[in-house]
């Protein structure tokens, strides 16, 4: 059996999360019972306890500025990021958010593919396999291989194939079983974040 590496793409670093919004919305902190409100906000001239008729709940505002106490004071107004994880992306996530994440990952991959150096595969090179090596620092905090590999490989192959929406580069004809037989993913620990990267390879075997 002979192994031929058709081409290799190496990323600079690893995209582990996607920004899905510029600013997180501030959420007012509500209490169902007035007695549940912390003592420091009650009987204090600096704070006023208000009643929300719509939700039938209490909330607290500053007596001068009328700014409410927030349920998310640390994250309000800051960008929102979602980690790349197949289980999270495909179970319960709104399709618009998932679509935004996928497009962001694809755009990131395109930045590492030089189309001048990678020509469309010759018909004799089908079918092929794909291999992904994830070189990651601190793998204890990394999602399992399946959750990472599925998202990365799906997005990478979508970028390579001929796409009706002109979203792909046309390097491979299709990612169906007649052309693309499958992939494998492995994670290799590295000793510093600066050494993180991903290595994609398309491989053709002859017997």
C-alpha atoms as a PDB file:
ATOM      1  CA  UNK A   1       0.000   0.000   0.000  1.00  0.00           C
ATOM      2  CA  UNK A   2       1.335   3.414  -0.991  1.00  0.00           C
ATOM      3  CA  UNK A   3       0.435   6.625   0.788  1.00  0.00           C
ATOM      4  CA  UNK A   4       0.401   9.958  -1.028  1.00  0.00           C
ATOM      5  CA  UNK A   5      -0.185  13.259   0.734  1.00  0.00           C
ATOM      6  CA  UNK A   6      -2.171  15.322  -1.756  1.00  0.00           C
ATOM      7  CA  UNK A   7      -1.731  18.563   0.126  1.00  0.00           C
ATOM      8  CA  UNK A   8      -1.264  19.932   3.613  1.00  0.00           C
ATOM      9  CA  UNK A   9      -2.669  23.043   5.321  1.00  0.00           C
ATOM     10  CA  UNK A  10      -1.214  24.326   8.599  1.00  0.00           C
ATOM     11  CA  UNK A  11      -2.989  26.947  10.680  1.00  0.00           C
ATOM     12  CA  UNK A  12      -1.320  29.529  12.860  1.00  0.00           C
ATOM     13  CA  UNK A  13      -2.919  28.822  16.228  1.00  0.00           C
ATOM     14  CA  UNK A  14      -6.312  27.256  16.935  1.00  0.00           C
ATOM     15  CA  UNK A  15      -9.699  28.888  16.661  1.00  0.00           C
ATOM     16  CA  UNK A  16     -11.402  27.619  19.797  1.00  0.00           C
ATOM     17  CA  UNK A  17     -14.290  30.110  20.071  1.00  0.00           C
ATOM     18  CA  UNK A  18     -16.373  32.447  17.931  1.00  0.00           C
ATOM     19  CA  UNK A  19     -17.609  35.940  18.725  1.00  0.00           C
ATOM     20  CA  UNK A  20     -21.357  35.989  18.104  1.00  0.00           C
ATOM     21  CA  UNK A  21     -22.221  39.485  19.366  1.00  0.00           C
ATOM     22  CA  UNK A  22     -20.484  42.796  20.021  1.00  0.00           C
ATOM     23  CA  UNK A  23     -22.178  43.510  23.336  1.00  0.00           C
ATOM     24  CA  UNK A  24     -24.036  41.286  25.766  1.00  0.00           C
ATOM     25  CA  UNK A  25     -27.409  42.668  26.758  1.00  0.00           C
ATOM     26  CA  UNK A  26     -27.734  43.839  30.349  1.00  0.00           C
ATOM     27  CA  UNK A  27     -30.239  41.758  32.345  1.00  0.00           C
ATOM     28  CA  UNK A  28     -32.059  43.235  35.320  1.00  0.00           C
ATOM     29  CA  UNK A  29     -31.930  41.208  38.517  1.00  0.00           C
ATOM     30  CA  UNK A  30     -35.397  40.276  39.785  1.00  0.00           C
ATOM     31  CA  UNK A  31     -36.642  38.814  43.062  1.00  0.00           C
ATOM     32  CA  UNK A  32     -39.985  37.054  43.483  1.00  0.00           C
ATOM     33  CA  UNK A  33     -40.325  38.057  47.149  1.00  0.00           C
ATOM     34  CA  UNK A  34     -39.318  41.343  48.730  1.00  0.00           C
ATOM     35  CA  UNK A  35     -37.883  39.384  51.652  1.00  0.00           C
ATOM     36  CA  UNK A  36     -35.417  37.700  49.251  1.00  0.00           C
ATOM     37  CA  UNK A  37     -33.761  41.013  48.369  1.00  0.00           C
ATOM     38  CA  UNK A  38     -30.350  41.316  50.087  1.00  0.00           C
ATOM     39  CA  UNK A  39     -30.498  43.380  53.289  1.00  0.00           C
ATOM     40  CA  UNK A  40     -27.954  45.936  52.010  1.00  0.00           C
ATOM     41  CA  UNK A  41     -30.508  47.109  49.408  1.00  0.00           C
ATOM     42  CA  UNK A  42     -33.417  47.408  51.840  1.00  0.00           C
ATOM     43  CA  UNK A  43     -34.016  50.363  54.162  1.00  0.00           C
ATOM     44  CA  UNK A  44     -31.140  52.155  52.463  1.00  0.00           C
ATOM     45  CA  UNK A  45     -31.445  55.661  51.041  1.00  0.00           C
ATOM     46  CA  UNK A  46     -29.028  54.806  48.241  1.00  0.00           C
ATOM     47  CA  UNK A  47     -31.364  52.148  46.807  1.00  0.00           C
ATOM     48  CA  UNK A  48     -35.033  52.001  45.912  1.00  0.00           C
ATOM     49  CA  UNK A  49     -37.049  48.788  45.668  1.00  0.00           C
ATOM     50  CA  UNK A  50     -39.411  48.826  42.688  1.00  0.00           C
ATOM     51  CA  UNK A  51     -42.281  46.536  41.648  1.00  0.00           C
ATOM     52  CA  UNK A  52     -42.552  45.142  38.137  1.00  0.00           C
ATOM     53  CA  UNK A  53     -46.276  44.778  37.424  1.00  0.00           C
ATOM     54  CA  UNK A  54     -45.705  42.805  34.237  1.00  0.00           C
ATOM     55  CA  UNK A  55     -43.554  40.066  35.774  1.00  0.00           C
ATOM     56  CA  UNK A  56     -44.876  40.516  39.314  1.00  0.00           C
ATOM     57  CA  UNK A  57     -41.355  40.706  40.658  1.00  0.00           C
ATOM     58  CA  UNK A  58     -39.209  43.139  42.615  1.00  0.00           C
ATOM     59  CA  UNK A  59     -36.084  44.867  41.379  1.00  0.00           C
ATOM     60  CA  UNK A  60     -33.721  47.464  42.841  1.00  0.00           C
ATOM     61  CA  UNK A  61     -32.483  50.751  41.372  1.00  0.00           C
ATOM     62  CA  UNK A  62     -30.064  53.393  42.561  1.00  0.00           C
ATOM     63  CA  UNK A  63     -31.956  56.273  44.126  1.00  0.00           C
ATOM     64  CA  UNK A  64     -30.119  58.970  42.139  1.00  0.00           C
ATOM     65  CA  UNK A  65     -29.205  57.474  38.751  1.00  0.00           C
ATOM     66  CA  UNK A  66     -32.084  54.972  38.657  1.00  0.00           C
ATOM     67  CA  UNK A  67     -29.662  52.335  37.298  1.00  0.00           C
ATOM     68  CA  UNK A  68     -30.958  48.862  38.177  1.00  0.00           C
ATOM     69  CA  UNK A  69     -29.029  46.048  39.813  1.00  0.00           C
ATOM     70  CA  UNK A  70     -27.978  43.653  37.049  1.00  0.00           C
ATOM     71  CA  UNK A  71     -28.043  39.884  37.009  1.00  0.00           C
ATOM     72  CA  UNK A  72     -24.971  39.869  34.726  1.00  0.00           C
ATOM     73  CA  UNK A  73     -22.813  42.848  35.789  1.00  0.00           C
ATOM     74  CA  UNK A  74     -19.516  41.254  34.706  1.00  0.00           C
ATOM     75  CA  UNK A  75     -20.590  40.300  31.186  1.00  0.00           C
ATOM     76  CA  UNK A  76     -23.042  43.099  30.308  1.00  0.00           C
ATOM     77  CA  UNK A  77     -21.765  45.270  27.469  1.00  0.00           C
ATOM     78  CA  UNK A  78     -18.899  42.909  26.635  1.00  0.00           C
ATOM     79  CA  UNK A  79     -18.543  40.740  23.496  1.00  0.00           C
ATOM     80  CA  UNK A  80     -20.142  37.314  23.636  1.00  0.00           C
ATOM     81  CA  UNK A  81     -18.046  34.297  22.669  1.00  0.00           C
ATOM     82  CA  UNK A  82     -19.188  30.699  22.242  1.00  0.00           C
ATOM     83  CA  UNK A  83     -16.677  27.810  22.372  1.00  0.00           C
ATOM     84  CA  UNK A  84     -16.453  25.572  19.309  1.00  0.00           C
ATOM     85  CA  UNK A  85     -18.097  22.323  20.319  1.00  0.00           C
ATOM     86  CA  UNK A  86     -20.277  20.096  18.111  1.00  0.00           C
ATOM     87  CA  UNK A  87     -22.503  18.979  20.967  1.00  0.00           C
ATOM     88  CA  UNK A  88     -23.319  22.559  21.916  1.00  0.00           C
ATOM     89  CA  UNK A  89     -23.664  23.795  18.335  1.00  0.00           C
ATOM     90  CA  UNK A  90     -26.044  21.082  17.146  1.00  0.00           C
ATOM     91  CA  UNK A  91     -28.199  20.585  20.239  1.00  0.00           C
ATOM     92  CA  UNK A  92     -30.501  23.447  21.093  1.00  0.00           C
ATOM     93  CA  UNK A  93     -28.541  26.288  19.482  1.00  0.00           C
ATOM     94  CA  UNK A  94     -30.553  28.619  17.266  1.00  0.00           C
ATOM     95  CA  UNK A  95     -29.786  28.025  13.597  1.00  0.00           C
ATOM     96  CA  UNK A  96     -28.821  31.672  13.027  1.00  0.00           C
ATOM     97  CA  UNK A  97     -26.160  31.528  15.742  1.00  0.00           C
ATOM     98  CA  UNK A  98     -24.874  28.187  14.454  1.00  0.00           C
ATOM     99  CA  UNK A  99     -24.709  29.573  10.909  1.00  0.00           C
ATOM    100  CA  UNK A 100     -22.741  32.589  12.121  1.00  0.00           C
ATOM    101  CA  UNK A 101     -20.254  30.334  13.922  1.00  0.00           C
ATOM    102  CA  UNK A 102     -19.786  28.056  10.896  1.00  0.00           C
ATOM    103  CA  UNK A 103     -19.199  30.988   8.529  1.00  0.00           C
ATOM    104  CA  UNK A 104     -16.648  32.444  10.960  1.00  0.00           C
ATOM    105  CA  UNK A 105     -14.733  29.149  11.138  1.00  0.00           C
ATOM    106  CA  UNK A 106     -14.766  28.790   7.333  1.00  0.00           C
ATOM    107  CA  UNK A 107     -13.484  32.332   6.844  1.00  0.00           C
ATOM    108  CA  UNK A 108     -10.690  31.626   9.308  1.00  0.00           C
ATOM    109  CA  UNK A 109      -9.653  28.473   7.416  1.00  0.00           C
ATOM    110  CA  UNK A 110      -9.613  30.300   4.070  1.00  0.00           C
ATOM    111  CA  UNK A 111      -6.903  32.576   5.413  1.00  0.00           C
ATOM    112  CA  UNK A 112      -4.495  29.618   5.565  1.00  0.00           C
ATOM    113  CA  UNK A 113      -5.243  28.137   2.146  1.00  0.00           C
ATOM    114  CA  UNK A 114      -3.191  29.557  -0.694  1.00  0.00           C
ATOM    115  CA  UNK A 115      -5.172  28.676  -3.794  1.00  0.00           C
ATOM    116  CA  UNK A 116      -2.173  29.446  -5.995  1.00  0.00           C
ATOM    117  CA  UNK A 117      -0.291  26.536  -4.434  1.00  0.00           C
ATOM    118  CA  UNK A 118      -3.235  24.131  -4.164  1.00  0.00           C
ATOM    119  CA  UNK A 119      -4.781  23.087  -7.463  1.00  0.00           C
ATOM    120  CA  UNK A 120      -8.041  21.120  -7.905  1.00  0.00           C
ATOM    121  CA  UNK A 121      -7.469  17.419  -7.331  1.00  0.00           C
ATOM    122  CA  UNK A 122      -6.968  15.243 -10.384  1.00  0.00           C
ATOM    123  CA  UNK A 123      -9.670  12.618 -10.932  1.00  0.00           C
ATOM    124  CA  UNK A 124      -7.105   9.875 -10.278  1.00  0.00           C
ATOM    125  CA  UNK A 125      -6.689  11.061  -6.669  1.00  0.00           C
ATOM    126  CA  UNK A 126     -10.223  10.097  -5.664  1.00  0.00           C
ATOM    127  CA  UNK A 127     -11.343   8.748  -3.295  1.00  0.00           C
ATOM    128  CA  UNK A 128      -9.213  10.229  -0.513  1.00  0.00           C
ATOM    129  CA  UNK A 129      -9.016  10.356   3.277  1.00  0.00           C
ATOM    130  CA  UNK A 130      -8.449  13.350   5.526  1.00  0.00           C
ATOM    131  CA  UNK A 131      -6.324  13.612   8.636  1.00  0.00           C
ATOM    132  CA  UNK A 132      -6.391  16.369  11.231  1.00  0.00           C
ATOM    133  CA  UNK A 133      -3.781  16.811  13.922  1.00  0.00           C
ATOM    134  CA  UNK A 134      -4.674  19.299  16.670  1.00  0.00           C
ATOM    135  CA  UNK A 135      -1.585  20.504  18.513  1.00  0.00           C
ATOM    136  CA  UNK A 136      -3.030  21.966  21.713  1.00  0.00           C
ATOM    137  CA  UNK A 137      -1.733  23.447  24.931  1.00  0.00           C
ATOM    138  CA  UNK A 138      -3.497  22.497  28.183  1.00  0.00           C
ATOM    139  CA  UNK A 139      -5.545  19.646  26.726  1.00  0.00           C
ATOM    140  CA  UNK A 140      -7.262  19.107  30.091  1.00  0.00           C
ATOM    141  CA  UNK A 141      -9.572  22.007  29.196  1.00  0.00           C
ATOM    142  CA  UNK A 142     -10.122  20.833  25.625  1.00  0.00           C
ATOM    143  CA  UNK A 143     -13.447  19.258  24.552  1.00  0.00           C
ATOM    144  CA  UNK A 144     -13.261  15.616  23.475  1.00  0.00           C
ATOM    145  CA  UNK A 145     -11.803  14.814  20.072  1.00  0.00           C
ATOM    146  CA  UNK A 146     -15.148  13.959  18.450  1.00  0.00           C
ATOM    147  CA  UNK A 147     -16.737  17.288  19.366  1.00  0.00           C
ATOM    148  CA  UNK A 148     -13.816  19.272  17.967  1.00  0.00           C
ATOM    149  CA  UNK A 149     -13.027  17.083  14.992  1.00  0.00           C
ATOM    150  CA  UNK A 150     -16.544  17.024  13.576  1.00  0.00           C
ATOM    151  CA  UNK A 151     -16.862  20.821  13.427  1.00  0.00           C
ATOM    152  CA  UNK A 152     -13.349  21.480  12.126  1.00  0.00           C
ATOM    153  CA  UNK A 153     -13.465  18.788   9.448  1.00  0.00           C
ATOM    154  CA  UNK A 154     -16.967  19.691   8.242  1.00  0.00           C
ATOM    155  CA  UNK A 155     -16.021  23.358   7.863  1.00  0.00           C
ATOM    156  CA  UNK A 156     -12.650  22.556   6.287  1.00  0.00           C
ATOM    157  CA  UNK A 157     -14.153  20.211   3.691  1.00  0.00           C
ATOM    158  CA  UNK A 158     -16.922  22.722   2.916  1.00  0.00           C
ATOM    159  CA  UNK A 159     -14.226  25.288   2.148  1.00  0.00           C
ATOM    160  CA  UNK A 160     -12.408  22.906  -0.184  1.00  0.00           C
ATOM    161  CA  UNK A 161     -15.305  21.554  -2.213  1.00  0.00           C
ATOM    162  CA  UNK A 162     -17.218  23.078  -5.126  1.00  0.00           C
ATOM    163  CA  UNK A 163     -20.110  24.909  -3.510  1.00  0.00           C
ATOM    164  CA  UNK A 164     -23.314  26.015  -5.236  1.00  0.00           C
ATOM    165  CA  UNK A 165     -23.343  29.139  -3.060  1.00  0.00           C
ATOM    166  CA  UNK A 166     -19.783  30.019  -4.131  1.00  0.00           C
ATOM    167  CA  UNK A 167     -18.721  29.410  -0.558  1.00  0.00           C
ATOM    168  CA  UNK A 168     -16.087  26.811  -1.439  1.00  0.00           C
ATOM    169  CA  UNK A 169     -12.764  27.025  -3.278  1.00  0.00           C
ATOM    170  CA  UNK A 170     -13.423  24.196  -5.748  1.00  0.00           C
ATOM    171  CA  UNK A 171     -10.344  22.173  -4.770  1.00  0.00           C
ATOM    172  CA  UNK A 172     -12.312  18.924  -4.384  1.00  0.00           C
ATOM    173  CA  UNK A 173     -15.386  17.922  -6.382  1.00  0.00           C
ATOM    174  CA  UNK A 174     -17.519  16.827  -3.457  1.00  0.00           C
ATOM    175  CA  UNK A 175     -17.317  15.427   0.060  1.00  0.00           C
ATOM    176  CA  UNK A 176     -19.694  12.530  -0.647  1.00  0.00           C
ATOM    177  CA  UNK A 177     -18.595   8.884  -0.160  1.00  0.00           C
ATOM    178  CA  UNK A 178     -17.600   8.474  -3.810  1.00  0.00           C
ATOM    179  CA  UNK A 179     -14.869  11.050  -3.324  1.00  0.00           C
ATOM    180  CA  UNK A 180     -14.221  11.387   0.404  1.00  0.00           C
ATOM    181  CA  UNK A 181     -13.981   8.203   2.476  1.00  0.00           C
ATOM    182  CA  UNK A 182     -13.656   9.693   5.947  1.00  0.00           C
ATOM    183  CA  UNK A 183     -11.269  11.325   8.385  1.00  0.00           C
ATOM    184  CA  UNK A 184      -9.341  10.754  11.571  1.00  0.00           C
ATOM    185  CA  UNK A 185      -8.426  13.269  14.254  1.00  0.00           C
ATOM    186  CA  UNK A 186      -5.775  13.163  16.944  1.00  0.00           C
ATOM    187  CA  UNK A 187      -4.627  15.641  19.562  1.00  0.00           C
ATOM    188  CA  UNK A 188      -0.982  16.221  20.383  1.00  0.00           C
ATOM    189  CA  UNK A 189      -0.079  18.193  23.527  1.00  0.00           C
ATOM    190  CA  UNK A 190       2.380  21.090  23.197  1.00  0.00           C
ATOM    191  CA  UNK A 191       4.242  22.865  25.992  1.00  0.00           C
ATOM    192  CA  UNK A 192       3.339  26.473  25.137  1.00  0.00           C
ATOM    193  CA  UNK A 193       0.293  28.297  23.662  1.00  0.00           C
ATOM    194  CA  UNK A 194       2.491  29.805  20.934  1.00  0.00           C
ATOM    195  CA  UNK A 195       3.009  26.308  19.507  1.00  0.00           C
ATOM    196  CA  UNK A 196      -0.688  25.617  19.016  1.00  0.00           C
ATOM    197  CA  UNK A 197      -1.745  24.816  15.454  1.00  0.00           C
ATOM    198  CA  UNK A 198      -3.795  22.462  13.333  1.00  0.00           C
ATOM    199  CA  UNK A 199      -2.455  20.350  10.483  1.00  0.00           C
ATOM    200  CA  UNK A 200      -4.903  19.195   7.797  1.00  0.00           C
ATOM    201  CA  UNK A 201      -3.889  16.613   5.210  1.00  0.00           C
ATOM    202  CA  UNK A 202      -5.688  14.974   2.330  1.00  0.00           C
ATOM    203  CA  UNK A 203      -4.293  11.502   1.712  1.00  0.00           C
ATOM    204  CA  UNK A 204      -4.697   9.090  -1.185  1.00  0.00           C
ATOM    205  CA  UNK A 205      -3.859   5.383  -0.833  1.00  0.00           C
ATOM    206  CA  UNK A 206      -3.055   2.987  -3.658  1.00  0.00           C
ATOM    207  CA  UNK A 207      -2.881  -0.776  -3.246  1.00  0.00           C
END
